[in-house]
Amino acid sequence: MLAPRMARRDLKALEQRRKQAARLFAKSVSQADIARELKVSRMSVCRWHRQWIQSGASALKAAPRAGRKPLLGCRDIQRVRVALEKGARAHGFRADLWTLPRVALVIERLTGIRYHPGHVWKILGAMNWTVQKPEQQARERNPLQVEYWKTVRWPELKKTLLATTRGSSSRMKPGSRSSPQCEAPGHRAGKRQS
């Protein structure tokens, strides 16, 4: 139901890069050279150097994970995925269409964890589900009449519409009240001289 999310940052790799910068600081390598070697901005190297001077290499360790831990584990998400793939009708809904409130209800039934429908999209994004909008058609729609309209009737109407309208390179409609009056097509009437 949603577009796939971007991959999470590798916090260990980022910490290793900062530790490598600390080793280079200890060797008195210039900040510009460190930035080029580690492929980071000079501002980042400057900030790391300031932290390294103030607190040593321990200041460059990875920060703890931000935010609250997710309520659903990997197994729970897998159970939800399997349930959603069965379709909405398999869970007692009249139409085979997933909406955020329906998904929230299925998650609560399976795991006992209640999510607000507005937050369910994050779980669906983690499962790489994308938004799908069903194509709506009238119940009275007759496919034979639609095909007849497309192949026969519409081309006839197009031909008659094109035949009745004359093209003009002028911005004004030919023969309109605002267009200049002419005696003969293409010639303007001159002023009479007395």
Protein backbone atom coordinates (compact mmCIF):
# COMPACT_ATOMS: atom_id res chain seq x y z
CA MET A 1 0.00 0.00 0.00
CA LEU A 2 2.99 2.33 0.27
CA ALA A 3 6.22 2.88 -1.56
CA PRO A 4 9.21 1.00 -0.14
CA ARG A 5 11.17 2.79 2.55
CA MET A 6 14.81 3.69 2.24
CA ALA A 7 17.33 1.34 3.82
CA ARG A 8 18.37 2.13 7.37
CA ARG A 9 21.80 3.60 8.01
CA ASP A 10 24.49 1.18 9.07
CA LEU A 11 25.38 2.64 12.46
CA LYS A 12 28.36 0.30 12.95
CA ALA A 13 29.91 1.35 9.64
CA LEU A 14 29.46 5.02 10.54
CA GLU A 15 31.17 4.42 13.89
CA GLN A 16 34.06 2.64 12.16
CA ARG A 17 34.51 5.65 9.87
CA ARG A 18 34.67 8.02 12.84
CA LYS A 19 37.20 5.73 14.59
CA GLN A 20 39.33 5.75 11.45
CA ALA A 21 39.19 9.55 11.52
CA ALA A 22 40.37 9.48 15.17
CA ARG A 23 43.39 7.34 14.17
CA LEU A 24 44.20 9.85 11.43
CA PHE A 25 43.82 12.76 13.89
CA ALA A 26 46.40 11.04 16.11
CA LYS A 27 48.80 10.90 13.12
CA SER A 28 48.32 14.67 12.56
CA VAL A 29 46.75 14.22 9.10
CA SER A 30 45.01 17.39 7.91
CA GLN A 31 41.24 17.58 8.15
CA ALA A 32 40.93 18.20 4.40
CA ASP A 33 42.89 15.02 3.63
CA ILE A 34 40.75 13.03 6.08
CA ALA A 35 37.56 14.35 4.46
CA ARG A 36 38.81 13.31 1.01
CA GLU A 37 39.98 9.89 2.17
CA LEU A 38 36.78 9.04 4.07
CA LYS A 39 34.54 10.73 1.46
CA VAL A 40 32.75 12.94 3.96
CA SER A 41 32.24 16.69 4.26
CA ARG A 42 34.88 18.91 5.86
CA MET A 43 32.24 20.09 8.34
CA SER A 44 31.80 16.52 9.63
CA VAL A 45 35.55 16.06 10.03
CA CYS A 46 35.79 19.40 11.83
CA ARG A 47 33.00 18.37 14.24
CA TRP A 48 34.60 14.96 14.84
CA HIS A 49 37.97 16.63 15.49
CA ARG A 50 36.42 18.99 18.05
CA GLN A 51 34.73 16.04 19.82
CA TRP A 52 37.99 14.04 19.69
CA ILE A 53 39.95 16.95 21.25
CA GLN A 54 37.37 17.44 24.02
CA SER A 55 36.59 13.83 24.99
CA GLY A 56 38.92 11.52 23.09
CA ALA A 57 38.03 8.60 20.81
CA SER A 58 35.14 7.54 23.09
CA ALA A 59 33.21 10.64 21.94
CA LEU A 60 33.09 9.21 18.41
CA LYS A 61 31.20 6.03 19.36
CA ALA A 62 27.83 5.32 17.78
CA ALA A 63 24.87 6.96 19.42
CA PRO A 64 22.23 4.66 20.86
CA ARG A 65 19.22 3.89 18.69
CA ALA A 66 16.82 6.83 18.63
CA GLY A 67 13.13 6.44 19.31
CA ARG A 68 11.00 3.77 20.86
CA LYS A 69 11.53 0.14 19.93
CA PRO A 70 8.89 -1.24 17.56
CA LEU A 71 6.00 -3.13 19.15
CA LEU A 72 5.84 -5.71 16.36
CA GLY A 73 8.73 -8.10 15.96
CA CYS A 74 9.85 -9.79 12.74
CA ARG A 75 7.65 -12.82 13.41
CA ASP A 76 4.62 -10.63 14.01
CA ILE A 77 5.21 -8.72 10.79
CA GLN A 78 5.55 -12.00 8.90
CA ARG A 79 2.24 -13.22 10.35
CA VAL A 80 0.57 -9.96 9.32
CA ARG A 81 2.03 -10.25 5.80
CA VAL A 82 0.68 -13.80 5.39
CA ALA A 83 -2.73 -12.71 6.67
CA LEU A 84 -2.90 -9.71 4.33
CA GLU A 85 -1.91 -11.79 1.32
CA LYS A 86 -4.99 -13.96 1.87
CA GLY A 87 -7.14 -10.95 1.03
CA ALA A 88 -9.66 -8.83 2.89
CA ARG A 89 -12.58 -11.21 2.25
CA ALA A 90 -10.76 -13.98 4.11
CA HIS A 91 -10.94 -11.76 7.21
CA GLY A 92 -14.67 -11.10 6.95
CA PHE A 93 -14.74 -7.87 4.96
CA ARG A 94 -17.31 -7.50 2.17
CA ALA A 95 -14.96 -6.09 -0.47
CA ASP A 96 -11.49 -7.42 -1.23
CA LEU A 97 -9.92 -4.04 -0.58
CA TRP A 98 -7.38 -3.20 2.11
CA THR A 99 -7.75 0.12 3.90
CA LEU A 100 -5.66 1.37 6.82
CA PRO A 101 -8.44 0.82 9.39
CA ARG A 102 -8.94 -2.75 8.12
CA VAL A 103 -5.23 -3.50 8.31
CA ALA A 104 -5.13 -2.04 11.83
CA LEU A 105 -7.99 -4.35 12.82
CA VAL A 106 -6.23 -7.43 11.39
CA ILE A 107 -3.00 -6.50 13.22
CA GLU A 108 -4.92 -6.18 16.47
CA ARG A 109 -6.68 -9.53 15.93
CA LEU A 110 -3.40 -11.34 15.17
CA THR A 111 -1.02 -9.76 17.66
CA GLY A 112 -3.16 -8.03 20.27
CA ILE A 113 -1.31 -4.78 19.57
CA ARG A 114 -3.52 -1.85 18.67
CA TYR A 115 -2.30 0.67 16.11
CA HIS A 116 -3.96 3.89 15.02
CA PRO A 117 -4.91 3.55 11.32
CA GLY A 118 -2.74 6.58 10.55
CA HIS A 119 0.35 4.70 11.77
CA VAL A 120 -0.33 1.44 9.95
CA TRP A 121 1.22 2.80 6.76
CA LYS A 122 4.68 2.58 8.38
CA ILE A 123 4.23 -1.16 8.95
CA LEU A 124 3.01 -1.60 5.37
CA GLY A 125 6.00 0.39 4.13
CA ALA A 126 8.34 -1.94 6.04
CA MET A 127 6.66 -4.84 4.21
CA ASN A 128 7.17 -3.02 0.85
CA TRP A 129 3.45 -2.72 0.20
CA THR A 130 2.44 0.17 -2.05
CA VAL A 131 -0.74 2.22 -2.37
CA GLN A 132 -3.15 0.72 -4.86
CA LYS A 133 -6.25 2.55 -6.04
CA PRO A 134 -8.89 0.28 -7.53
CA GLU A 135 -10.30 1.25 -10.90
CA GLN A 136 -13.97 2.08 -10.46
CA GLN A 137 -16.51 1.17 -13.10
CA ALA A 138 -20.25 1.61 -13.15
CA ARG A 139 -22.29 -1.53 -12.48
CA GLU A 140 -24.44 -0.77 -15.52
CA ARG A 141 -21.39 -0.71 -17.78
CA ASN A 142 -21.82 -2.85 -20.87
CA PRO A 143 -18.47 -3.83 -22.40
CA LEU A 144 -20.01 -4.38 -25.86
CA GLN A 145 -21.48 -0.87 -25.93
CA VAL A 146 -18.18 0.59 -24.73
CA GLU A 147 -16.29 -1.18 -27.51
CA TYR A 148 -18.87 0.01 -30.11
CA TRP A 149 -18.48 3.58 -28.85
CA LYS A 150 -14.69 3.44 -29.07
CA THR A 151 -14.45 1.80 -32.50
CA VAL A 152 -17.49 3.14 -34.39
CA ARG A 153 -19.34 6.03 -32.83
CA TRP A 154 -16.45 8.16 -31.56
CA PRO A 155 -14.53 8.11 -34.88
CA GLU A 156 -17.76 9.18 -36.68
CA LEU A 157 -18.24 12.06 -34.28
CA LYS A 158 -14.63 13.10 -34.61
CA LYS A 159 -14.92 13.24 -38.40
CA THR A 160 -18.06 15.39 -38.31
CA LEU A 161 -16.62 17.74 -35.69
CA LEU A 162 -13.45 18.25 -37.73
CA ALA A 163 -15.39 18.82 -40.96
CA THR A 164 -17.63 21.57 -39.54
CA THR A 165 -14.94 23.75 -38.00
CA ARG A 166 -12.68 25.83 -40.21
CA GLY A 167 -9.16 26.48 -39.12
CA SER A 168 -7.73 29.96 -39.00
CA SER A 169 -4.28 31.34 -38.35
CA SER A 170 -5.86 34.48 -36.88
CA ARG A 171 -6.58 34.92 -33.22
CA MET A 172 -9.97 36.35 -34.13
CA LYS A 173 -12.68 34.13 -35.51
CA PRO A 174 -13.29 34.71 -39.19
CA GLY A 175 -16.54 36.55 -39.68
CA SER A 176 -16.78 37.76 -36.10
CA ARG A 177 -17.95 41.28 -35.25
CA SER A 178 -14.48 42.31 -34.11
CA SER A 179 -12.67 41.23 -37.27
CA PRO A 180 -12.17 43.83 -39.98
CA GLN A 181 -14.72 43.71 -42.81
CA CYS A 182 -13.36 42.96 -46.28
CA GLU A 183 -14.91 43.35 -49.71
CA ALA A 184 -13.13 40.29 -51.09
CA PRO A 185 -11.39 37.52 -49.24
CA GLY A 186 -7.79 38.47 -48.61
CA HIS A 187 -8.20 42.14 -49.65
CA ARG A 188 -8.98 45.03 -47.37
CA ALA A 189 -11.29 47.76 -48.48
CA GLY A 190 -9.37 50.97 -48.98
CA LYS A 191 -10.54 54.38 -47.85
CA ARG A 192 -12.33 56.42 -50.42
CA GLN A 193 -10.63 59.63 -51.26
CA SER A 194 -12.73 62.66 -52.06
